[in-house]
Every structure is written in structure tokens, then in C-alpha cells.
C-alpha atoms as a PDB file:
ATOM      1  CA  MET A   1       0.112   0.055   0.074  1.00  0.00           C
ATOM      2  CA  TYR A   2       1.188   3.435  -0.911  1.00  0.00           C
ATOM      3  CA  GLY A   3       0.648   5.407   2.305  1.00  0.00           C
ATOM      4  CA  ASP A   4       0.319   4.365   5.463  1.00  0.00           C
ATOM      5  CA  GLU A   5      -2.497   5.212   8.129  1.00  0.00           C
ATOM      6  CA  ALA A   6      -0.140   7.806   9.833  1.00  0.00           C
ATOM      7  CA  THR A   7       0.482   9.520   6.239  1.00  0.00           C
ATOM      8  CA  VAL A   8      -3.071   9.474   5.412  1.00  0.00           C
ATOM      9  CA  ARG A   9      -4.003  10.812   8.906  1.00  0.00           C
ATOM     10  CA  ARG A  10      -1.453  13.723   8.564  1.00  0.00           C
ATOM     11  CA  ILE A  11      -2.488  14.873   5.004  1.00  0.00           C
ATOM     12  CA  LEU A  12      -6.040  14.734   6.081  1.00  0.00           C
ATOM     13  CA  THR A  13      -5.596  16.655   9.227  1.00  0.00           C
ATOM     14  CA  GLU A  14      -2.432  18.386   9.505  1.00  0.00           C
ATOM     15  CA  ARG A  15      -1.226  19.345   5.841  1.00  0.00           C
ATOM     16  CA  GLY A  16      -3.574  22.301   5.386  1.00  0.00           C
ATOM     17  CA  ASP A  17      -6.985  22.992   3.960  1.00  0.00           C
ATOM     18  CA  THR A  18      -6.268  24.213   0.302  1.00  0.00           C
ATOM     19  CA  TRP A  19      -6.482  21.180  -2.137  1.00  0.00           C
ATOM     20  CA  ALA A  20      -5.853  21.491  -5.773  1.00  0.00           C
ATOM     21  CA  VAL A  21      -7.769  19.050  -7.482  1.00  0.00           C
ATOM     22  CA  VAL A  22      -6.364  17.934 -10.879  1.00  0.00           C
ATOM     23  CA  GLY A  23      -8.969  16.903 -13.278  1.00  0.00           C
ATOM     24  CA  LEU A  24     -11.819  18.375 -11.437  1.00  0.00           C
ATOM     25  CA  SER A  25     -14.419  19.908 -13.774  1.00  0.00           C
ATOM     26  CA  SER A  26     -18.260  20.760 -13.699  1.00  0.00           C
ATOM     27  CA  ASN A  27     -18.990  17.143 -15.152  1.00  0.00           C
ATOM     28  CA  ARG A  28     -20.949  15.765 -12.176  1.00  0.00           C
ATOM     29  CA  GLN A  29     -20.830  12.345 -13.585  1.00  0.00           C
ATOM     30  CA  ARG A  30     -17.091  12.221 -12.797  1.00  0.00           C
ATOM     31  CA  ALA A  31     -15.765  10.973  -9.577  1.00  0.00           C
ATOM     32  CA  ALA A  32     -13.424  14.039  -8.972  1.00  0.00           C
ATOM     33  CA  TYR A  33     -16.892  16.125  -8.927  1.00  0.00           C
ATOM     34  CA  GLY A  34     -18.109  14.145  -5.654  1.00  0.00           C
ATOM     35  CA  VAL A  35     -14.735  13.757  -3.985  1.00  0.00           C
ATOM     36  CA  ALA A  36     -14.359  17.105  -4.159  1.00  0.00           C
ATOM     37  CA  GLU A  37     -17.606  17.678  -2.805  1.00  0.00           C
ATOM     38  CA  VAL A  38     -16.692  15.387   0.285  1.00  0.00           C
ATOM     39  CA  LEU A  39     -13.643  17.405   0.835  1.00  0.00           C
ATOM     40  CA  GLN A  40     -15.372  20.738   0.910  1.00  0.00           C
ATOM     41  CA  ARG A  41     -17.983  19.343   3.382  1.00  0.00           C
ATOM     42  CA  PHE A  42     -14.915  18.547   5.779  1.00  0.00           C
ATOM     43  CA  GLY A  43     -13.730  22.139   5.723  1.00  0.00           C
ATOM     44  CA  LYS A  44     -11.233  21.888   3.013  1.00  0.00           C
ATOM     45  CA  ARG A  45     -10.786  24.690  -0.093  1.00  0.00           C
ATOM     46  CA  VAL A  46     -11.054  22.703  -3.347  1.00  0.00           C
ATOM     47  CA  VAL A  47      -9.411  24.540  -6.145  1.00  0.00           C
ATOM     48  CA  PRO A  48     -10.459  22.800  -9.596  1.00  0.00           C
ATOM     49  CA  VAL A  49      -7.228  22.387 -12.106  1.00  0.00           C
ATOM     50  CA  HIS A  50      -8.485  21.366 -15.316  1.00  0.00           C
ATOM     51  CA  PRO A  51      -7.591  22.585 -18.936  1.00  0.00           C
ATOM     52  CA  LYS A  52     -11.014  24.166 -18.952  1.00  0.00           C
ATOM     53  CA  ALA A  53     -10.448  26.240 -16.020  1.00  0.00           C
ATOM     54  CA  GLU A  54     -13.948  25.998 -15.015  1.00  0.00           C
ATOM     55  CA  THR A  55     -15.676  27.367 -11.774  1.00  0.00           C
ATOM     56  CA  VAL A  56     -16.633  24.323  -9.760  1.00  0.00           C
ATOM     57  CA  HIS A  57     -18.301  24.203  -6.378  1.00  0.00           C
ATOM     58  CA  GLY A  58     -17.958  27.879  -6.142  1.00  0.00           C
ATOM     59  CA  GLU A  59     -14.343  28.147  -6.590  1.00  0.00           C
ATOM     60  CA  GLN A  60     -12.316  29.539  -9.472  1.00  0.00           C
ATOM     61  CA  GLY A  61     -10.770  26.773 -11.623  1.00  0.00           C
ATOM     62  CA  TYR A  62      -7.090  26.894 -13.303  1.00  0.00           C
ATOM     63  CA  ALA A  63      -5.722  25.363 -16.090  1.00  0.00           C
ATOM     64  CA  SER A  64      -2.678  23.975 -14.264  1.00  0.00           C
ATOM     65  CA  LEU A  65      -1.130  24.222 -11.028  1.00  0.00           C
ATOM     66  CA  ALA A  66       1.375  26.901 -12.130  1.00  0.00           C
ATOM     67  CA  ASP A  67      -1.593  29.248 -12.869  1.00  0.00           C
ATOM     68  CA  ILE A  68      -2.838  29.235  -9.237  1.00  0.00           C
ATOM     69  CA  PRO A  69      -1.741  32.439  -7.789  1.00  0.00           C
ATOM     70  CA  PHE A  70      -1.582  31.085  -4.415  1.00  0.00           C
ATOM     71  CA  ALA A  71      -0.049  28.086  -2.193  1.00  0.00           C
ATOM     72  CA  VAL A  72      -1.641  24.998  -2.126  1.00  0.00           C
ATOM     73  CA  ASP A  73      -1.144  22.524   0.377  1.00  0.00           C
ATOM     74  CA  VAL A  74      -2.326  18.888  -1.062  1.00  0.00           C
ATOM     75  CA  VAL A  75      -2.308  18.480  -4.776  1.00  0.00           C
ATOM     76  CA  ASP A  76      -5.182  15.497  -5.351  1.00  0.00           C
ATOM     77  CA  VAL A  77      -4.627  13.782  -8.722  1.00  0.00           C
ATOM     78  CA  PHE A  78      -7.340  12.448 -11.110  1.00  0.00           C
ATOM     79  CA  VAL A  79      -5.649  11.762 -13.981  1.00  0.00           C
ATOM     80  CA  ASN A  80      -4.685   8.705 -15.779  1.00  0.00           C
ATOM     81  CA  SER A  81      -1.398   6.745 -14.310  1.00  0.00           C
ATOM     82  CA  GLU A  82       0.449   7.730 -17.475  1.00  0.00           C
ATOM     83  CA  LEU A  83       0.201  11.580 -16.727  1.00  0.00           C
ATOM     84  CA  ALA A  84       0.228  11.428 -12.952  1.00  0.00           C
ATOM     85  CA  GLY A  85       3.889  11.809 -12.559  1.00  0.00           C
ATOM     86  CA  GLU A  86       4.256  15.181 -14.376  1.00  0.00           C
ATOM     87  CA  VAL A  87       1.506  16.243 -12.159  1.00  0.00           C
ATOM     88  CA  ALA A  88       3.127  14.815  -9.197  1.00  0.00           C
ATOM     89  CA  ASP A  89       6.621  16.731 -10.492  1.00  0.00           C
ATOM     90  CA  GLU A  90       4.355  20.005 -10.653  1.00  0.00           C
ATOM     91  CA  ALA A  91       3.193  19.630  -7.246  1.00  0.00           C
ATOM     92  CA  VAL A  92       6.914  19.426  -6.092  1.00  0.00           C
ATOM     93  CA  ALA A  93       7.703  22.523  -8.144  1.00  0.00           C
ATOM     94  CA  LYS A  94       4.413  24.438  -6.729  1.00  0.00           C
ATOM     95  CA  GLY A  95       5.580  23.834  -2.968  1.00  0.00           C
ATOM     96  CA  ALA A  96       2.761  21.578  -2.156  1.00  0.00           C
ATOM     97  CA  GLU A  97       3.411  19.577   1.204  1.00  0.00           C
ATOM     98  CA  ALA A  98       1.282  16.361  -0.008  1.00  0.00           C
ATOM     99  CA  VAL A  99       0.227  14.471  -3.262  1.00  0.00           C
ATOM    100  CA  TRP A 100      -2.640  12.351  -3.203  1.00  0.00           C
ATOM    101  CA  PHE A 101      -3.025   9.955  -6.224  1.00  0.00           C
ATOM    102  CA  GLN A 102      -6.690   8.656  -6.591  1.00  0.00           C
ATOM    103  CA  LEU A 103      -8.118   5.342  -6.387  1.00  0.00           C
ATOM    104  CA  GLY A 104      -6.434   3.417  -9.646  1.00  0.00           C
ATOM    105  CA  VAL A 105      -3.738   6.199 -10.261  1.00  0.00           C
ATOM    106  CA  VAL A 106      -0.388   4.170  -9.745  1.00  0.00           C
ATOM    107  CA  ASP A 107       3.124   5.362 -10.641  1.00  0.00           C
ATOM    108  CA  GLU A 108       5.516   4.099  -8.540  1.00  0.00           C
ATOM    109  CA  ALA A 109       8.503   6.162 -10.064  1.00  0.00           C
ATOM    110  CA  ALA A 110       6.399   9.403  -9.318  1.00  0.00           C
ATOM    111  CA  TYR A 111       5.653   7.834  -5.702  1.00  0.00           C
ATOM    112  CA  ALA A 112       9.690   7.448  -5.133  1.00  0.00           C
ATOM    113  CA  ARG A 113      10.207  11.180  -6.633  1.00  0.00           C
ATOM    114  CA  THR A 114       7.876  12.756  -4.503  1.00  0.00           C
ATOM    115  CA  ARG A 115       8.945  11.087  -1.058  1.00  0.00           C
ATOM    116  CA  GLU A 116      12.426  12.024  -1.686  1.00  0.00           C
ATOM    117  CA  ALA A 117      11.505  15.508  -2.259  1.00  0.00           C
ATOM    118  CA  GLY A 118      10.073  15.426   1.178  1.00  0.00           C
ATOM    119  CA  LEU A 119       6.373  15.729   0.493  1.00  0.00           C
ATOM    120  CA  ASP A 120       3.682  13.262   2.204  1.00  0.00           C
ATOM    121  CA  MET A 121       2.248  11.055  -0.419  1.00  0.00           C
ATOM    122  CA  VAL A 122      -0.774   8.409  -0.838  1.00  0.00           C
ATOM    123  CA  MET A 123      -1.552   6.539  -4.038  1.00  0.00           C
ATOM    124  CA  ASP A 124      -4.344   4.304  -4.953  1.00  0.00           C
ATOM    125  CA  ARG A 125      -6.713   5.659  -2.239  1.00  0.00           C
ATOM    126  CA  CYS A 126      -9.661   8.213  -2.013  1.00  0.00           C
ATOM    127  CA  PRO A 127     -10.019  10.952   0.676  1.00  0.00           C
ATOM    128  CA  ALA A 128     -13.557  10.834   0.424  1.00  0.00           C
ATOM    129  CA  ILE A 129     -13.546   7.231   1.858  1.00  0.00           C
ATOM    130  CA  GLU A 130     -10.818   7.985   4.464  1.00  0.00           C
ATOM    131  CA  ILE A 131     -11.835  11.452   5.629  1.00  0.00           C
ATOM    132  CA  PRO A 132     -15.163  10.324   7.085  1.00  0.00           C
ATOM    133  CA  ARG A 133     -13.436   7.252   8.707  1.00  0.00           C
ATOM    134  CA  LEU A 134     -11.041   9.817  10.512  1.00  0.00           C
ATOM    135  CA  GLY A 135     -13.517  12.126  11.486  1.00  0.00           C
ATOM    136  CA  ALA A 136     -11.151  14.951   9.950  1.00  0.00           C
END
């Protein structure tokens, strides 16, 4: 498993409240939409990152992590595994404290690089499942 309980808890309770959700659009059928809604319900600020740069859940969207004009604490990744490593590298460059790869998103090399850069990382798990369980 990529992300022990202590890391999951730290990201959800200690790593800050601003989450950039890469792949979040206004498409209600996509998992990112529902997960972002759960994160908001638990007090997280959700920043949509998608090429369309749409406003979602009341938050201004941005086309890329680099376009966000403020710090983000956690980067939550809803892209294919083939693209996820690049997003993890962008999260490191952005100065995020943690990266979270969603269920089914796996890139072991990106996991290693991100951890080596000093960020917390969870891979192949869902914060919308974990956060209610922790009561975060």
C-alpha cells in the first residue's frame, strides 16, 4: 500500500486546508466532482485544476497548478496513471506539502520522486473514503 495510516491522517488533518484537485471539472458524472464535494463538506478549500479552468463548487478553476496564484497544501490527482507523474512533479515545483493519487492512479517512480522531495504521498486511495473514517 502506498500511504500508511499515519501519512493518510497527516495529510487529511495536518497538511492544510487548500486542495488543488487536478482533473476536476463541472462534469457531475466524474468521480472528482463528488470527491471535491466531500472534501468541502469536511472544511477543505477545493481548487479545480482542469484545462477548461471552470468554476466548480463555487471555486475559480485554473488550467494548471502553475496558474494558481496562491499556495496549495495538497494536490489531489484524478488523471490517468500515465500523466500522474508529471502532475506530481508539478506539485513539488508548486511547493505543495502532499500529493494524493486517487484510486486506480499508480506511478511508483512518481511516488518515489515525490517522497524523496520531502512531500507526503498517498497513492491508489480516495480521501472521500478516508476523511469520514478519520472524522477529519
